[in-house]
C-alpha atoms as a PDB file:
ATOM      1  CA  MET A   1       4.004   5.525  -6.186  1.00  0.00           C
ATOM      2  CA  ALA A   2       1.817   8.559  -5.512  1.00  0.00           C
ATOM      3  CA  PHE A   3       1.195   8.536  -1.854  1.00  0.00           C
ATOM      4  CA  VAL A   4       2.499   6.693   1.205  1.00  0.00           C
ATOM      5  CA  ILE A   5       0.880   5.986   4.535  1.00  0.00           C
ATOM      6  CA  GLY A   6       3.370   6.187   7.493  1.00  0.00           C
ATOM      7  CA  GLU A   7       3.964   5.694  11.188  1.00  0.00           C
ATOM      8  CA  PRO A   8       1.163   7.765  12.467  1.00  0.00           C
ATOM      9  CA  CYS A   9      -1.295   5.307  11.095  1.00  0.00           C
ATOM     10  CA  VAL A  10       0.127   2.351  12.921  1.00  0.00           C
ATOM     11  CA  ASP A  11      -2.368   1.047  15.518  1.00  0.00           C
ATOM     12  CA  VAL A  12      -4.677   3.950  14.734  1.00  0.00           C
ATOM     13  CA  MET A  13      -6.389   3.386  11.366  1.00  0.00           C
ATOM     14  CA  ASP A  14      -9.018   6.132  11.347  1.00  0.00           C
ATOM     15  CA  LYS A  15     -10.092   4.954   7.816  1.00  0.00           C
ATOM     16  CA  SER A  16     -11.352   8.407   6.692  1.00  0.00           C
ATOM     17  CA  CYS A  17      -8.997   8.116   3.738  1.00  0.00           C
ATOM     18  CA  ILE A  18     -10.622   4.886   2.587  1.00  0.00           C
ATOM     19  CA  GLU A  19     -14.034   6.736   2.230  1.00  0.00           C
ATOM     20  CA  GLU A  20     -12.346   9.510   0.098  1.00  0.00           C
ATOM     21  CA  CYS A  21     -10.325   7.388  -2.263  1.00  0.00           C
ATOM     22  CA  PRO A  22     -12.193   7.356  -5.653  1.00  0.00           C
ATOM     23  CA  VAL A  23     -10.369   4.253  -6.928  1.00  0.00           C
ATOM     24  CA  ASP A  24     -10.420   2.087  -3.759  1.00  0.00           C
ATOM     25  CA  CYS A  25      -6.701   1.735  -3.622  1.00  0.00           C
ATOM     26  CA  ILE A  26      -6.313   1.857   0.210  1.00  0.00           C
ATOM     27  CA  TYR A  27      -5.999  -1.584   1.872  1.00  0.00           C
ATOM     28  CA  GLU A  28      -6.568  -2.338   5.525  1.00  0.00           C
ATOM     29  CA  GLY A  29      -3.895  -4.382   7.224  1.00  0.00           C
ATOM     30  CA  GLY A  30      -3.847  -5.708  10.797  1.00  0.00           C
ATOM     31  CA  ARG A  31      -2.057  -2.649  12.149  1.00  0.00           C
ATOM     32  CA  MET A  32      -2.216   0.024   9.485  1.00  0.00           C
ATOM     33  CA  LEU A  33      -3.538   1.029   6.078  1.00  0.00           C
ATOM     34  CA  TYR A  34      -1.558   0.749   2.866  1.00  0.00           C
ATOM     35  CA  ILE A  35      -1.954   2.591  -0.480  1.00  0.00           C
ATOM     36  CA  HIS A  36      -1.467   0.207  -3.440  1.00  0.00           C
ATOM     37  CA  GLN A  37       1.320   1.768  -5.371  1.00  0.00           C
ATOM     38  CA  SER A  38       0.092   0.855  -8.918  1.00  0.00           C
ATOM     39  CA  GLU A  39      -3.689   1.552  -8.244  1.00  0.00           C
ATOM     40  CA  CYS A  40      -3.240   5.100  -6.818  1.00  0.00           C
ATOM     41  CA  ILE A  41      -4.072   7.794  -9.302  1.00  0.00           C
ATOM     42  CA  ASP A  42      -2.313  10.570  -7.488  1.00  0.00           C
ATOM     43  CA  CYS A  43      -5.493  12.567  -6.848  1.00  0.00           C
ATOM     44  CA  GLY A  44      -4.613  13.577  -3.257  1.00  0.00           C
ATOM     45  CA  ALA A  45      -8.091  13.119  -1.953  1.00  0.00           C
ATOM     46  CA  CYS A  46      -6.894  10.926   0.938  1.00  0.00           C
ATOM     47  CA  GLU A  47      -4.186  13.298   2.381  1.00  0.00           C
ATOM     48  CA  PRO A  48      -6.232  16.182   3.727  1.00  0.00           C
ATOM     49  CA  VAL A  49      -8.789  13.904   5.469  1.00  0.00           C
ATOM     50  CA  CYS A  50      -6.278  11.951   7.531  1.00  0.00           C
ATOM     51  CA  PRO A  51      -6.673  13.224  11.216  1.00  0.00           C
ATOM     52  CA  VAL A  52      -3.128  12.009  12.151  1.00  0.00           C
ATOM     53  CA  SER A  53      -1.234  13.389   9.068  1.00  0.00           C
ATOM     54  CA  ALA A  54      -0.195   9.877   8.196  1.00  0.00           C
ATOM     55  CA  ILE A  55      -0.338  10.297   4.384  1.00  0.00           C
ATOM     56  CA  ARG A  56       2.395  12.069   2.255  1.00  0.00           C
ATOM     57  CA  PRO A  57       3.134  12.335  -1.410  1.00  0.00           C
ATOM     58  CA  ALA A  58       5.903   9.897  -2.287  1.00  0.00           C
ATOM     59  CA  GLN A  59       8.150  12.824  -3.428  1.00  0.00           C
ATOM     60  CA  LYS A  60       8.109  14.232   0.230  1.00  0.00           C
ATOM     61  CA  VAL A  61       8.915  11.017   1.984  1.00  0.00           C
ATOM     62  CA  ASP A  62      12.006  11.508   4.368  1.00  0.00           C
ATOM     63  CA  GLU A  63      14.387   8.891   5.693  1.00  0.00           C
ATOM     64  CA  ALA A  64      12.040   7.954   8.590  1.00  0.00           C
ATOM     65  CA  TRP A  65       9.275   7.184   6.154  1.00  0.00           C
ATOM     66  CA  LYS A  66      11.295   5.189   3.791  1.00  0.00           C
ATOM     67  CA  PRO A  67      10.575   1.844   5.570  1.00  0.00           C
ATOM     68  CA  PHE A  68       6.789   2.589   5.140  1.00  0.00           C
ATOM     69  CA  GLN A  69       7.360   3.323   1.387  1.00  0.00           C
ATOM     70  CA  GLU A  70       9.030  -0.060   1.088  1.00  0.00           C
ATOM     71  CA  SER A  71       6.301  -1.640   3.171  1.00  0.00           C
ATOM     72  CA  SER A  72       3.688  -0.239   0.730  1.00  0.00           C
ATOM     73  CA  ARG A  73       5.755  -1.764  -2.175  1.00  0.00           C
ATOM     74  CA  GLU A  74       5.892  -5.145  -0.328  1.00  0.00           C
ATOM     75  CA  VAL A  75       2.191  -5.180   0.308  1.00  0.00           C
ATOM     76  CA  SER A  76       1.301  -4.140  -3.241  1.00  0.00           C
ATOM     77  CA  LYS A  77       3.579  -6.898  -4.699  1.00  0.00           C
ATOM     78  CA  MET A  78       1.904  -9.391  -2.391  1.00  0.00           C
ATOM     79  CA  LEU A  79      -1.562  -8.289  -3.474  1.00  0.00           C
ATOM     80  CA  GLY A  80      -0.867  -8.309  -7.178  1.00  0.00           C
ATOM     81  CA  ASN A  81      -3.463  -6.333  -9.153  1.00  0.00           C
ATOM     82  CA  PRO A  82      -6.847  -6.897  -7.390  1.00  0.00           C
ATOM     83  CA  ALA A  83      -8.325  -3.586  -8.915  1.00  0.00           C
ATOM     84  CA  GLY A  84      -9.587  -2.339  -5.445  1.00  0.00           C
ATOM     85  CA  SER A  85      -9.727  -3.362  -1.836  1.00  0.00           C
ATOM     86  CA  GLU A  86     -13.300  -4.720  -2.259  1.00  0.00           C
ATOM     87  CA  ASN A  87     -11.854  -7.498  -4.274  1.00  0.00           C
ATOM     88  CA  VAL A  88      -9.712  -8.962  -1.450  1.00  0.00           C
ATOM     89  CA  ASP A  89     -10.432 -10.410   1.989  1.00  0.00           C
ATOM     90  CA  LEU A  90      -9.572  -7.829   4.615  1.00  0.00           C
ATOM     91  CA  PRO A  91      -7.652  -7.231   6.620  1.00  0.00           C
ATOM     92  CA  ILE A  92      -4.528  -8.091   4.543  1.00  0.00           C
ATOM     93  CA  GLU A  93      -1.276  -9.150   6.109  1.00  0.00           C
ATOM     94  CA  ASP A  94       0.985  -6.291   7.254  1.00  0.00           C
ATOM     95  CA  SER A  95       4.419  -5.987   6.003  1.00  0.00           C
ATOM     96  CA  ASP A  96       7.305  -7.509   7.918  1.00  0.00           C
ATOM     97  CA  TYR A  97       8.535  -4.062   9.016  1.00  0.00           C
ATOM     98  CA  VAL A  98       5.052  -3.137  10.496  1.00  0.00           C
ATOM     99  CA  LYS A  99       4.690  -6.512  12.122  1.00  0.00           C
ATOM    100  CA  LYS A 100       7.882  -5.950  14.032  1.00  0.00           C
ATOM    101  CA  LEU A 101       7.034  -2.355  15.302  1.00  0.00           C
ATOM    102  CA  GLU A 102       6.599  -1.921  18.932  1.00  0.00           C
ATOM    103  CA  LYS A 103       2.867  -1.602  19.836  1.00  0.00           C
ATOM    104  CA  LYS A 104       1.753   1.846  20.951  1.00  0.00           C
ATOM    105  CA  VAL A 105       0.319   1.990  24.364  1.00  0.00           C
END
């Protein structure tokens, strides 16, 4: 997995990263965005445009972000290989972990 979207995106979803992604591998869930682990080409275009610093390279994910990395895996597995978010009905279902997170006020 090349990049991971984490907690700062939950209930924010600015979507600037979607516009920058050249392969359309960022999917909109109900509460956050997810990078499809097998569609990401590791270009890094999404990371600098995120206004809340919610995107990190998978190699730099710390313990606090591990559940979000696993959430991305869960969502990617659920989606299969749609070859881009334009090929699925959005929003997709959030991971169980994200569904259970307390809502930000």
